[in-house]
Amino acid sequence: MPVTEEPQPRPHAERSEATRARIVEATRTLFRERGYEAVSTSNILRAAGVSRGGLYHHFSGKDDVLLAVFEAVERDLLERLAQQAVEQPTAFAALRAGAQAYLDECLASEELQRIGLLHARRVLPWDVWREMAMGYGLGLTVETVRTAIEAGEMRGEDPEAMTQLIVAALIEAATMIVFADDQTRERERVGAAVDTLLEGLHNGS
């Protein structure tokens, strides 16, 4: 008979990371479906299938889990927006399409609205929320802006400063959408305004 090898136990670090990921994913679902305030630590423990000690090994509390969930939401959002960018013919077109795609996400994604633009913004310290909200988009956007400037498609000499201002405008536009009585109408309104702002930077014919 052939000898079958016993499955080897996963290293401690791998198990620990898997536990953390399970907590984040379970909590992400709870926050999306119920909202931050309606979810207790006990709810998180049951949904993730971990002990209280297991939770506090990775996180200091519910606010800390929220930060990790917010990071996961932002990371997934950036991946979707990056796909939009690579399909465009020029860097400026990618910037323009990415801005509108982000606003579409703000309108359509209940997860982005509830977790990123409502709960995380209200619960987390302002500087922490701002760094997370801007941080994930800055890396991709600053390279797009730099490429557009170098290609002569866009006015300006400081891609980092310009990107900070563009991303800040998009975050404010997202806030306007989320808190509007008619979100669909507001999406159209701020989308047109953002497009006008970017067109003012365009160096094309």
N, C-alpha and C. Protein backbone atom coordinates (compact mmCIF):
# COMPACT_ATOMS: atom_id res chain seq x y z
N MET A 1 0.84 -1.21 0.00
CA MET A 1 0.00 0.00 0.00
C MET A 1 0.87 1.25 0.00
N PRO A 2 0.47 2.22 -0.79
CA PRO A 2 1.25 3.46 -0.75
C PRO A 2 1.08 4.15 0.58
N VAL A 3 2.13 4.76 1.02
CA VAL A 3 2.11 5.48 2.29
C VAL A 3 1.67 6.91 2.04
N THR A 4 0.62 7.32 2.73
CA THR A 4 0.15 8.71 2.59
C THR A 4 0.75 9.55 3.69
N GLU A 5 1.21 10.71 3.32
CA GLU A 5 1.82 11.60 4.30
C GLU A 5 0.75 12.32 5.11
N GLU A 6 1.01 12.46 6.38
CA GLU A 6 0.12 13.22 7.24
C GLU A 6 0.18 14.69 6.86
N PRO A 7 -0.98 15.37 6.78
CA PRO A 7 -0.93 16.81 6.50
C PRO A 7 -0.18 17.55 7.60
N GLN A 8 0.69 18.41 7.18
CA GLN A 8 1.49 19.17 8.15
C GLN A 8 0.71 20.36 8.69
N PRO A 9 0.78 20.59 9.99
CA PRO A 9 0.08 21.76 10.54
C PRO A 9 0.66 23.05 9.99
N ARG A 10 -0.19 24.03 9.80
CA ARG A 10 0.27 25.31 9.29
C ARG A 10 1.12 26.03 10.34
N PRO A 11 2.12 26.77 9.90
CA PRO A 11 2.92 27.53 10.86
C PRO A 11 2.04 28.49 11.65
N HIS A 12 2.51 28.84 12.84
CA HIS A 12 1.73 29.71 13.74
C HIS A 12 1.40 31.04 13.07
N ALA A 13 2.37 31.64 12.39
CA ALA A 13 2.14 32.94 11.75
C ALA A 13 1.05 32.85 10.69
N GLU A 14 1.02 31.74 9.96
CA GLU A 14 0.01 31.56 8.92
C GLU A 14 -1.37 31.39 9.55
N ARG A 15 -1.45 30.62 10.63
CA ARG A 15 -2.73 30.44 11.32
C ARG A 15 -3.22 31.76 11.90
N SER A 16 -2.29 32.51 12.44
CA SER A 16 -2.65 33.79 13.04
C SER A 16 -3.19 34.75 11.99
N GLU A 17 -2.56 34.79 10.83
CA GLU A 17 -3.02 35.67 9.75
C GLU A 17 -4.38 35.22 9.24
N ALA A 18 -4.60 33.92 9.18
CA ALA A 18 -5.89 33.40 8.73
C ALA A 18 -6.99 33.78 9.71
N THR A 19 -6.68 33.74 10.99
CA THR A 19 -7.66 34.13 12.01
C THR A 19 -8.01 35.61 11.88
N ARG A 20 -6.99 36.42 11.68
CA ARG A 20 -7.23 37.86 11.52
C ARG A 20 -8.10 38.13 10.30
N ALA A 21 -7.79 37.47 9.19
CA ALA A 21 -8.56 37.67 7.97
C ALA A 21 -10.01 37.23 8.17
N ARG A 22 -10.21 36.15 8.92
CA ARG A 22 -11.57 35.67 9.17
C ARG A 22 -12.36 36.67 10.00
N ILE A 23 -11.71 37.29 10.97
CA ILE A 23 -12.37 38.31 11.79
C ILE A 23 -12.78 39.50 10.93
N VAL A 24 -11.86 39.95 10.08
CA VAL A 24 -12.12 41.12 9.23
C VAL A 24 -13.27 40.83 8.27
N GLU A 25 -13.25 39.67 7.64
CA GLU A 25 -14.28 39.34 6.65
C GLU A 25 -15.65 39.19 7.31
N ALA A 26 -15.69 38.53 8.46
CA ALA A 26 -16.97 38.35 9.16
C ALA A 26 -17.52 39.69 9.62
N THR A 27 -16.65 40.54 10.13
CA THR A 27 -17.09 41.84 10.63
C THR A 27 -17.51 42.75 9.47
N ARG A 28 -16.83 42.63 8.36
CA ARG A 28 -17.19 43.40 7.17
C ARG A 28 -18.64 43.12 6.77
N THR A 29 -19.01 41.85 6.80
CA THR A 29 -20.38 41.48 6.46
C THR A 29 -21.37 42.03 7.49
N LEU A 30 -21.02 41.93 8.76
CA LEU A 30 -21.91 42.43 9.82
C LEU A 30 -22.11 43.93 9.71
N PHE A 31 -21.03 44.68 9.52
CA PHE A 31 -21.14 46.13 9.42
C PHE A 31 -21.95 46.54 8.19
N ARG A 32 -21.76 45.81 7.10
CA ARG A 32 -22.49 46.13 5.88
C ARG A 32 -23.98 45.87 6.04
N GLU A 33 -24.32 44.78 6.70
CA GLU A 33 -25.73 44.38 6.80
C GLU A 33 -26.46 45.07 7.95
N ARG A 34 -25.76 45.31 9.07
CA ARG A 34 -26.44 45.83 10.26
C ARG A 34 -26.04 47.25 10.63
N GLY A 35 -24.85 47.68 10.22
CA GLY A 35 -24.35 48.97 10.64
C GLY A 35 -23.46 48.82 11.86
N TYR A 36 -22.56 49.74 12.03
CA TYR A 36 -21.55 49.66 13.10
C TYR A 36 -22.18 49.58 14.49
N GLU A 37 -23.11 50.48 14.77
CA GLU A 37 -23.67 50.57 16.12
C GLU A 37 -24.43 49.32 16.53
N ALA A 38 -25.03 48.63 15.57
CA ALA A 38 -25.86 47.46 15.88
C ALA A 38 -25.04 46.18 16.07
N VAL A 39 -23.75 46.25 15.83
CA VAL A 39 -22.90 45.07 15.95
C VAL A 39 -22.10 45.13 17.25
N SER A 40 -22.22 44.10 18.06
CA SER A 40 -21.48 44.01 19.31
C SER A 40 -20.23 43.16 19.13
N THR A 41 -19.33 43.23 20.09
CA THR A 41 -18.15 42.38 20.05
C THR A 41 -18.54 40.92 20.07
N SER A 42 -19.59 40.58 20.83
CA SER A 42 -20.07 39.19 20.88
C SER A 42 -20.56 38.73 19.51
N ASN A 43 -21.21 39.63 18.77
CA ASN A 43 -21.63 39.30 17.41
C ASN A 43 -20.43 38.94 16.53
N ILE A 44 -19.36 39.71 16.68
CA ILE A 44 -18.16 39.48 15.89
C ILE A 44 -17.54 38.12 16.25
N LEU A 45 -17.48 37.82 17.55
CA LEU A 45 -16.90 36.55 17.99
C LEU A 45 -17.66 35.37 17.40
N ARG A 46 -18.99 35.44 17.45
CA ARG A 46 -19.80 34.34 16.93
C ARG A 46 -19.66 34.20 15.41
N ALA A 47 -19.71 35.34 14.71
CA ALA A 47 -19.64 35.30 13.24
C ALA A 47 -18.28 34.80 12.75
N ALA A 48 -17.22 35.19 13.45
CA ALA A 48 -15.87 34.81 13.03
C ALA A 48 -15.45 33.45 13.59
N GLY A 49 -16.17 32.98 14.61
CA GLY A 49 -15.82 31.71 15.22
C GLY A 49 -14.51 31.76 15.98
N VAL A 50 -14.29 32.86 16.69
CA VAL A 50 -13.05 33.01 17.46
C VAL A 50 -13.39 33.31 18.92
N SER A 51 -12.42 33.11 19.77
CA SER A 51 -12.59 33.44 21.18
C SER A 51 -12.33 34.93 21.39
N ARG A 52 -12.72 35.42 22.56
CA ARG A 52 -12.45 36.82 22.87
C ARG A 52 -10.94 37.09 22.90
N GLY A 53 -10.20 36.11 23.43
CA GLY A 53 -8.74 36.26 23.44
C GLY A 53 -8.17 36.30 22.04
N GLY A 54 -8.77 35.50 21.13
CA GLY A 54 -8.32 35.51 19.75
C GLY A 54 -8.55 36.85 19.08
N LEU A 55 -9.70 37.46 19.39
CA LEU A 55 -10.01 38.77 18.82
C LEU A 55 -9.03 39.82 19.32
N TYR A 56 -8.82 39.84 20.66
CA TYR A 56 -7.97 40.88 21.24
C TYR A 56 -6.48 40.62 21.01
N HIS A 57 -6.15 39.44 20.52
CA HIS A 57 -4.77 39.21 20.11
C HIS A 57 -4.44 40.04 18.87
N HIS A 58 -5.44 40.28 18.04
CA HIS A 58 -5.23 41.00 16.78
C HIS A 58 -5.70 42.44 16.83
N PHE A 59 -6.72 42.73 17.64
CA PHE A 59 -7.33 44.06 17.63
C PHE A 59 -7.56 44.55 19.06
N SER A 60 -7.46 45.85 19.22
CA SER A 60 -7.67 46.43 20.55
C SER A 60 -9.14 46.56 20.90
N GLY A 61 -10.02 46.48 19.90
CA GLY A 61 -11.44 46.61 20.16
C GLY A 61 -12.20 46.77 18.86
N LYS A 62 -13.49 47.08 18.96
CA LYS A 62 -14.34 47.15 17.77
C LYS A 62 -13.89 48.26 16.82
N ASP A 63 -13.44 49.38 17.37
CA ASP A 63 -12.98 50.47 16.51
C ASP A 63 -11.77 50.04 15.68
N ASP A 64 -10.90 49.25 16.28
CA ASP A 64 -9.71 48.77 15.58
C ASP A 64 -10.10 47.80 14.47
N VAL A 65 -11.12 46.98 14.72
CA VAL A 65 -11.62 46.09 13.66
C VAL A 65 -12.22 46.92 12.53
N LEU A 66 -12.94 47.97 12.90
CA LEU A 66 -13.52 48.86 11.88
C LEU A 66 -12.44 49.42 10.97
N LEU A 67 -11.32 49.82 11.55
CA LEU A 67 -10.22 50.36 10.75
C LEU A 67 -9.72 49.31 9.74
N ALA A 68 -9.59 48.06 10.20
CA ALA A 68 -9.14 46.99 9.31
C ALA A 68 -10.17 46.70 8.22
N VAL A 69 -11.44 46.75 8.58
CA VAL A 69 -12.50 46.54 7.59
C VAL A 69 -12.49 47.67 6.57
N PHE A 70 -12.35 48.89 7.04
CA PHE A 70 -12.29 50.05 6.15
C PHE A 70 -11.13 49.91 5.18
N GLU A 71 -10.00 49.45 5.68
CA GLU A 71 -8.83 49.25 4.82
C GLU A 71 -9.13 48.21 3.74
N ALA A 72 -9.81 47.13 4.11
CA ALA A 72 -10.16 46.09 3.13
C ALA A 72 -11.10 46.62 2.07
N VAL A 73 -12.08 47.43 2.49
CA VAL A 73 -13.02 48.03 1.54
C VAL A 73 -12.28 48.95 0.57
N GLU A 74 -11.37 49.77 1.08
CA GLU A 74 -10.61 50.69 0.24
C GLU A 74 -9.69 49.92 -0.72
N ARG A 75 -9.09 48.86 -0.24
CA ARG A 75 -8.20 48.07 -1.10
C ARG A 75 -8.96 47.44 -2.26
N ASP A 76 -10.12 46.88 -1.96
CA ASP A 76 -10.92 46.27 -3.03
C ASP A 76 -11.44 47.32 -4.02
N LEU A 77 -11.80 48.49 -3.48
CA LEU A 77 -12.25 49.59 -4.35
C LEU A 77 -11.14 50.00 -5.30
N LEU A 78 -9.93 50.12 -4.78
CA LEU A 78 -8.81 50.55 -5.62
C LEU A 78 -8.54 49.55 -6.74
N GLU A 79 -8.69 48.27 -6.45
CA GLU A 79 -8.49 47.26 -7.49
C GLU A 79 -9.50 47.43 -8.62
N ARG A 80 -10.74 47.72 -8.26
CA ARG A 80 -11.76 47.92 -9.29
C ARG A 80 -11.48 49.18 -10.11
N LEU A 81 -11.06 50.24 -9.45
CA LEU A 81 -10.77 51.48 -10.15
C LEU A 81 -9.54 51.35 -11.03
N ALA A 82 -8.56 50.59 -10.57
CA ALA A 82 -7.34 50.39 -11.37
C ALA A 82 -7.68 49.68 -12.67
N GLN A 83 -8.63 48.76 -12.63
CA GLN A 83 -9.04 48.07 -13.85
C GLN A 83 -9.65 49.04 -14.85
N GLN A 84 -10.41 50.01 -14.33
CA GLN A 84 -10.98 51.04 -15.21
C GLN A 84 -9.87 51.85 -15.88
N ALA A 85 -8.81 52.14 -15.10
CA ALA A 85 -7.74 53.00 -15.60
C ALA A 85 -6.96 52.34 -16.74
N VAL A 86 -6.67 51.05 -16.60
CA VAL A 86 -5.82 50.40 -17.60
C VAL A 86 -6.53 50.26 -18.95
N GLU A 87 -7.83 50.41 -18.96
CA GLU A 87 -8.58 50.28 -20.21
C GLU A 87 -8.63 51.58 -21.00
N GLN A 88 -8.07 52.66 -20.46
CA GLN A 88 -8.14 53.96 -21.13
C GLN A 88 -6.92 54.20 -22.02
N PRO A 89 -7.09 54.98 -23.08
CA PRO A 89 -6.00 55.16 -24.05
C PRO A 89 -4.89 56.09 -23.59
N THR A 90 -5.19 57.03 -22.69
CA THR A 90 -4.18 57.98 -22.22
C THR A 90 -4.27 58.12 -20.71
N ALA A 91 -3.23 58.70 -20.12
CA ALA A 91 -3.21 58.90 -18.67
C ALA A 91 -4.31 59.86 -18.23
N PHE A 92 -4.51 60.93 -19.00
CA PHE A 92 -5.56 61.87 -18.61
C PHE A 92 -6.93 61.23 -18.72
N ALA A 93 -7.15 60.44 -19.75
CA ALA A 93 -8.42 59.72 -19.89
C ALA A 93 -8.62 58.76 -18.73
N ALA A 94 -7.53 58.14 -18.27
CA ALA A 94 -7.61 57.23 -17.13
C ALA A 94 -7.99 57.99 -15.86
N LEU A 95 -7.41 59.18 -15.67
CA LEU A 95 -7.74 60.00 -14.52
C LEU A 95 -9.21 60.39 -14.53
N ARG A 96 -9.66 60.81 -15.68
CA ARG A 96 -11.04 61.25 -15.83
C ARG A 96 -12.02 60.09 -15.62
N ALA A 97 -11.73 58.96 -16.24
CA ALA A 97 -12.60 57.79 -16.09
C ALA A 97 -12.57 57.26 -14.66
N GLY A 98 -11.40 57.29 -14.04
CA GLY A 98 -11.28 56.81 -12.67
C GLY A 98 -12.08 57.66 -11.69
N ALA A 99 -12.09 58.97 -11.92
CA ALA A 99 -12.85 59.86 -11.06
C ALA A 99 -14.34 59.56 -11.15
N GLN A 100 -14.83 59.38 -12.35
CA GLN A 100 -16.25 59.09 -12.53
C GLN A 100 -16.60 57.69 -12.01
N ALA A 101 -15.70 56.74 -12.18
CA ALA A 101 -15.93 55.39 -11.67
C ALA A 101 -16.02 55.41 -10.15
N TYR A 102 -15.18 56.22 -9.51
CA TYR A 102 -15.23 56.35 -8.06
C TYR A 102 -16.58 56.90 -7.61
N LEU A 103 -17.07 57.91 -8.29
CA LEU A 103 -18.37 58.48 -7.94
C LEU A 103 -19.49 57.47 -8.17
N ASP A 104 -19.36 56.66 -9.21
CA ASP A 104 -20.34 55.59 -9.44
C ASP A 104 -20.35 54.62 -8.28
N GLU A 105 -19.17 54.28 -7.78
CA GLU A 105 -19.06 53.37 -6.63
C GLU A 105 -19.72 53.98 -5.40
N CYS A 106 -19.51 55.28 -5.22
CA CYS A 106 -20.10 55.96 -4.06
C CYS A 106 -21.62 55.91 -4.09
N LEU A 107 -22.17 55.90 -5.29
CA LEU A 107 -23.62 55.82 -5.43
C LEU A 107 -24.12 54.39 -5.30
N ALA A 108 -23.41 53.45 -5.91
CA ALA A 108 -23.93 52.08 -6.03
C ALA A 108 -23.54 51.16 -4.88
N SER A 109 -22.41 51.41 -4.25
CA SER A 109 -21.90 50.47 -3.25
C SER A 109 -22.41 50.82 -1.86
N GLU A 110 -23.33 50.00 -1.37
CA GLU A 110 -23.82 50.20 0.00
C GLU A 110 -22.70 50.00 1.01
N GLU A 111 -21.78 49.08 0.69
CA GLU A 111 -20.65 48.83 1.59
C GLU A 111 -19.76 50.06 1.71
N LEU A 112 -19.42 50.68 0.58
CA LEU A 112 -18.58 51.87 0.62
C LEU A 112 -19.29 53.00 1.36
N GLN A 113 -20.58 53.15 1.10
CA GLN A 113 -21.33 54.20 1.78
C GLN A 113 -21.37 53.97 3.28
N ARG A 114 -21.81 52.78 3.69
CA ARG A 114 -22.04 52.53 5.12
C ARG A 114 -20.74 52.44 5.91
N ILE A 115 -19.78 51.69 5.36
CA ILE A 115 -18.55 51.45 6.12
C ILE A 115 -17.55 52.59 5.95
N GLY A 116 -17.27 52.96 4.70
CA GLY A 116 -16.22 53.94 4.46
C GLY A 116 -16.62 55.38 4.68
N LEU A 117 -17.80 55.75 4.18
CA LEU A 117 -18.18 57.16 4.17
C LEU A 117 -19.11 57.56 5.32
N LEU A 118 -19.65 56.59 6.05
CA LEU A 118 -20.51 56.91 7.19
C LEU A 118 -19.87 56.45 8.50
N HIS A 119 -19.83 55.14 8.74
CA HIS A 119 -19.37 54.63 10.03
C HIS A 119 -17.91 54.97 10.31
N ALA A 120 -17.01 54.65 9.38
CA ALA A 120 -15.60 54.90 9.62
C ALA A 120 -15.33 56.39 9.80
N ARG A 121 -15.98 57.21 9.02
CA ARG A 121 -15.76 58.66 9.12
C ARG A 121 -16.26 59.20 10.46
N ARG A 122 -17.34 58.63 10.97
CA ARG A 122 -17.90 59.11 12.23
C ARG A 122 -17.15 58.57 13.45
N VAL A 123 -16.69 57.33 13.37
CA VAL A 123 -16.12 56.67 14.54
C VAL A 123 -14.62 56.90 14.68
N LEU A 124 -13.89 56.81 13.58
CA LEU A 124 -12.44 56.92 13.65
C LEU A 124 -12.01 58.38 13.81
N PRO A 125 -10.84 58.61 14.43
CA PRO A 125 -10.31 59.97 14.48
C PRO A 125 -10.17 60.53 13.07
N TRP A 126 -10.41 61.83 12.94
CA TRP A 126 -10.43 62.45 11.61
C TRP A 126 -9.13 62.21 10.84
N ASP A 127 -7.98 62.35 11.50
CA ASP A 127 -6.72 62.19 10.78
C ASP A 127 -6.51 60.75 10.32
N VAL A 128 -7.00 59.80 11.12
CA VAL A 128 -6.89 58.38 10.73
C VAL A 128 -7.78 58.09 9.54
N TRP A 129 -9.02 58.59 9.60
CA TRP A 129 -9.94 58.37 8.48
C TRP A 129 -9.41 59.01 7.21
N ARG A 130 -8.94 60.24 7.31
CA ARG A 130 -8.46 60.95 6.12
C ARG A 130 -7.26 60.24 5.51
N GLU A 131 -6.34 59.79 6.35
CA GLU A 131 -5.15 59.11 5.84
C GLU A 131 -5.54 57.83 5.10
N MET A 132 -6.51 57.09 5.66
CA MET A 132 -6.94 55.86 5.01
C MET A 132 -7.70 56.15 3.72
N ALA A 133 -8.63 57.11 3.78
CA ALA A 133 -9.45 57.42 2.62
C ALA A 133 -8.60 57.94 1.46
N MET A 134 -7.61 58.75 1.79
CA MET A 134 -6.78 59.32 0.72
C MET A 134 -5.63 58.40 0.35
N GLY A 135 -5.13 57.66 1.34
CA GLY A 135 -3.90 56.92 1.13
C GLY A 135 -3.95 55.91 0.02
N TYR A 136 -5.03 55.13 -0.04
CA TYR A 136 -5.10 54.08 -1.05
C TYR A 136 -5.22 54.66 -2.46
N GLY A 137 -5.90 55.77 -2.61
CA GLY A 137 -6.06 56.35 -3.93
C GLY A 137 -4.87 57.18 -4.38
N LEU A 138 -4.08 57.66 -3.44
CA LEU A 138 -3.00 58.58 -3.80
C LEU A 138 -1.93 57.93 -4.65
N GLY A 139 -1.52 56.71 -4.27
CA GLY A 139 -0.43 56.06 -5.00
C GLY A 139 -0.74 55.88 -6.47
N LEU A 140 -1.92 55.34 -6.74
CA LEU A 140 -2.33 55.14 -8.13
C LEU A 140 -2.52 56.46 -8.86
N THR A 141 -3.20 57.40 -8.20
CA THR A 141 -3.55 58.66 -8.86
C THR A 141 -2.33 59.52 -9.14
N VAL A 142 -1.37 59.55 -8.20
CA VAL A 142 -0.21 60.42 -8.41
C VAL A 142 0.61 59.93 -9.61
N GLU A 143 0.68 58.63 -9.82
CA GLU A 143 1.41 58.13 -10.99
C GLU A 143 0.67 58.47 -12.28
N THR A 144 -0.66 58.41 -12.22
CA THR A 144 -1.46 58.78 -13.40
C THR A 144 -1.28 60.26 -13.72
N VAL A 145 -1.33 61.09 -12.68
CA VAL A 145 -1.15 62.53 -12.88
C VAL A 145 0.26 62.84 -13.39
N ARG A 146 1.26 62.19 -12.81
CA ARG A 146 2.63 62.43 -13.25
C ARG A 146 2.81 62.04 -14.72
N THR A 147 2.24 60.91 -15.09
CA THR A 147 2.35 60.47 -16.48
C THR A 147 1.65 61.44 -17.42
N ALA A 148 0.49 61.94 -17.00
CA ALA A 148 -0.26 62.88 -17.84
C ALA A 148 0.51 64.19 -18.01
N ILE A 149 1.15 64.66 -16.95
CA ILE A 149 1.94 65.90 -17.03
C ILE A 149 3.14 65.70 -17.94
N GLU A 150 3.84 64.59 -17.75
CA GLU A 150 5.04 64.32 -18.55
C GLU A 150 4.70 64.13 -20.03
N ALA A 151 3.49 63.63 -20.29
CA ALA A 151 3.07 63.44 -21.68
C ALA A 151 2.52 64.71 -22.30
N GLY A 152 2.45 65.80 -21.52
CA GLY A 152 1.93 67.05 -22.03
C GLY A 152 0.41 67.08 -22.12
N GLU A 153 -0.27 66.13 -21.48
CA GLU A 153 -1.72 66.07 -21.51
C GLU A 153 -2.37 66.94 -20.43
N MET A 154 -1.56 67.34 -19.47
CA MET A 154 -2.13 67.98 -18.28
C MET A 154 -1.23 69.11 -17.82
N ARG A 155 -1.83 70.19 -17.40
CA ARG A 155 -1.08 71.32 -16.88
C ARG A 155 -0.56 71.00 -15.48
N GLY A 156 0.52 71.69 -15.09
CA GLY A 156 1.02 71.55 -13.73
C GLY A 156 2.45 71.06 -13.69
N GLU A 157 3.09 71.28 -12.53
CA GLU A 157 4.48 70.87 -12.35
C GLU A 157 4.68 70.04 -11.09
N ASP A 158 3.66 69.92 -10.26
CA ASP A 158 3.79 69.22 -8.98
C ASP A 158 2.71 68.15 -8.88
N PRO A 159 2.99 66.94 -9.38
CA PRO A 159 1.96 65.91 -9.39
C PRO A 159 1.47 65.51 -8.00
N GLU A 160 2.36 65.55 -7.00
CA GLU A 160 1.93 65.17 -5.65
C GLU A 160 0.90 66.15 -5.10
N ALA A 161 1.17 67.44 -5.22
CA ALA A 161 0.24 68.44 -4.71
C ALA A 161 -1.08 68.41 -5.48
N MET A 162 -0.99 68.28 -6.78
CA MET A 162 -2.20 68.24 -7.59
C MET A 162 -3.05 67.02 -7.24
N THR A 163 -2.39 65.89 -7.01
CA THR A 163 -3.13 64.67 -6.67
C THR A 163 -3.84 64.81 -5.33
N GLN A 164 -3.16 65.39 -4.35
CA GLN A 164 -3.78 65.62 -3.04
C GLN A 164 -5.07 66.41 -3.19
N LEU A 165 -5.04 67.44 -4.01
CA LEU A 165 -6.21 68.29 -4.20
C LEU A 165 -7.31 67.58 -4.99
N ILE A 166 -6.92 66.80 -5.99
CA ILE A 166 -7.92 66.07 -6.77
C ILE A 166 -8.62 65.02 -5.91
N VAL A 167 -7.85 64.25 -5.14
CA VAL A 167 -8.44 63.22 -4.28
C VAL A 167 -9.31 63.85 -3.21
N ALA A 168 -8.87 64.99 -2.65
CA ALA A 168 -9.69 65.68 -1.65
C ALA A 168 -11.02 66.11 -2.25
N ALA A 169 -10.99 66.61 -3.49
CA ALA A 169 -12.24 67.01 -4.16
C ALA A 169 -13.15 65.81 -4.37
N LEU A 170 -12.59 64.66 -4.71
CA LEU A 170 -13.39 63.46 -4.92
C LEU A 170 -14.02 62.97 -3.63
N ILE A 171 -13.28 63.06 -2.53
CA ILE A 171 -13.84 62.64 -1.24
C ILE A 171 -14.98 63.56 -0.84
N GLU A 172 -14.83 64.85 -1.07
CA GLU A 172 -15.92 65.79 -0.77
C GLU A 172 -17.12 65.51 -1.67
N ALA A 173 -16.87 65.21 -2.94
CA ALA A 173 -17.96 64.87 -3.85
C ALA A 173 -18.68 63.61 -3.38
N ALA A 174 -17.92 62.63 -2.89
CA ALA A 174 -18.52 61.40 -2.36
C ALA A 174 -19.41 61.71 -1.17
N THR A 175 -18.96 62.59 -0.30
CA THR A 175 -19.75 62.97 0.87
C THR A 175 -21.05 63.64 0.45
N MET A 176 -20.97 64.49 -0.56
CA MET A 176 -22.18 65.15 -1.06
C MET A 176 -23.19 64.14 -1.57
N ILE A 177 -22.71 63.09 -2.23
CA ILE A 177 -23.61 62.05 -2.74
C ILE A 177 -24.27 61.31 -1.59
N VAL A 178 -23.47 60.88 -0.64
CA VAL A 178 -23.97 60.04 0.45
C VAL A 178 -25.03 60.75 1.29
N PHE A 179 -24.86 62.03 1.52
CA PHE A 179 -25.77 62.75 2.40
C PHE A 179 -26.89 63.47 1.65
N ALA A 180 -26.96 63.28 0.34
CA ALA A 180 -28.02 63.93 -0.44
C ALA A 180 -29.35 63.22 -0.28
N ASP A 181 -30.43 63.97 -0.36
CA ASP A 181 -31.77 63.37 -0.33
C ASP A 181 -32.01 62.54 -1.59
N ASP A 182 -31.53 63.04 -2.71
CA ASP A 182 -31.63 62.33 -3.98
C ASP A 182 -30.21 62.02 -4.45
N GLN A 183 -29.72 60.83 -4.12
CA GLN A 183 -28.33 60.50 -4.39
C GLN A 183 -28.05 60.40 -5.90
N THR A 184 -28.99 59.89 -6.65
CA THR A 184 -28.78 59.76 -8.09
C THR A 184 -28.61 61.12 -8.75
N ARG A 185 -29.46 62.04 -8.38
CA ARG A 185 -29.36 63.40 -8.94
C ARG A 185 -28.06 64.07 -8.49
N GLU A 186 -27.68 63.85 -7.23
CA GLU A 186 -26.45 64.47 -6.73
C GLU A 186 -25.23 63.87 -7.43
N ARG A 187 -25.30 62.58 -7.73
CA ARG A 187 -24.18 61.94 -8.46
C ARG A 187 -23.99 62.63 -9.81
N GLU A 188 -25.05 62.91 -10.51
CA GLU A 188 -24.96 63.59 -11.80
C GLU A 188 -24.40 65.00 -11.61
N ARG A 189 -24.86 65.67 -10.58
CA ARG A 189 -24.45 67.06 -10.35
C ARG A 189 -22.95 67.14 -10.02
N VAL A 190 -22.49 66.35 -9.06
CA VAL A 190 -21.08 66.44 -8.67
C VAL A 190 -20.19 65.81 -9.75
N GLY A 191 -20.72 64.83 -10.48
CA GLY A 191 -19.94 64.25 -11.57
C GLY A 191 -19.61 65.28 -12.63
N ALA A 192 -20.59 66.10 -12.97
CA ALA A 192 -20.37 67.16 -13.95
C ALA A 192 -19.36 68.18 -13.43
N ALA A 193 -19.46 68.49 -12.13
CA ALA A 193 -18.54 69.47 -11.54
C ALA A 193 -17.12 68.94 -11.52
N VAL A 194 -16.95 67.68 -11.15
CA VAL A 194 -15.61 67.08 -11.13
C VAL A 194 -15.03 67.05 -12.53
N ASP A 195 -15.84 66.71 -13.52
CA ASP A 195 -15.36 66.67 -14.90
C ASP A 195 -14.92 68.05 -15.37
N THR A 196 -15.65 69.07 -14.94
CA THR A 196 -15.27 70.45 -15.30
C THR A 196 -13.94 70.83 -14.66
N LEU A 197 -13.74 70.44 -13.40
CA LEU A 197 -12.48 70.72 -12.72
C LEU A 197 -11.30 70.06 -13.43
N LEU A 198 -11.47 68.80 -13.80
CA LEU A 198 -10.39 68.09 -14.46
C LEU A 198 -10.15 68.63 -15.87
N GLU A 199 -11.22 69.00 -16.56
CA GLU A 199 -11.07 69.55 -17.91
C GLU A 199 -10.26 70.85 -17.87
N GLY A 200 -10.38 71.58 -16.75
CA GLY A 200 -9.58 72.80 -16.61
C GLY A 200 -8.10 72.55 -16.52
N LEU A 201 -7.73 71.31 -16.16
CA LEU A 201 -6.32 70.93 -16.09
C LEU A 201 -5.82 70.28 -17.37
N HIS A 202 -6.75 70.00 -18.26
CA HIS A 202 -6.39 69.28 -19.49
C HIS A 202 -5.60 70.18 -20.43
N ASN A 203 -4.56 69.66 -20.99
CA ASN A 203 -3.73 70.42 -21.90
C ASN A 203 -3.94 69.97 -23.35
N GLY A 204 -5.04 69.25 -23.59
CA GLY A 204 -5.30 68.74 -24.92
C GLY A 204 -6.01 69.75 -25.78
N SER A 205 -6.13 69.41 -27.04
CA SER A 205 -6.79 70.33 -27.98
C SER A 205 -8.28 70.12 -27.92
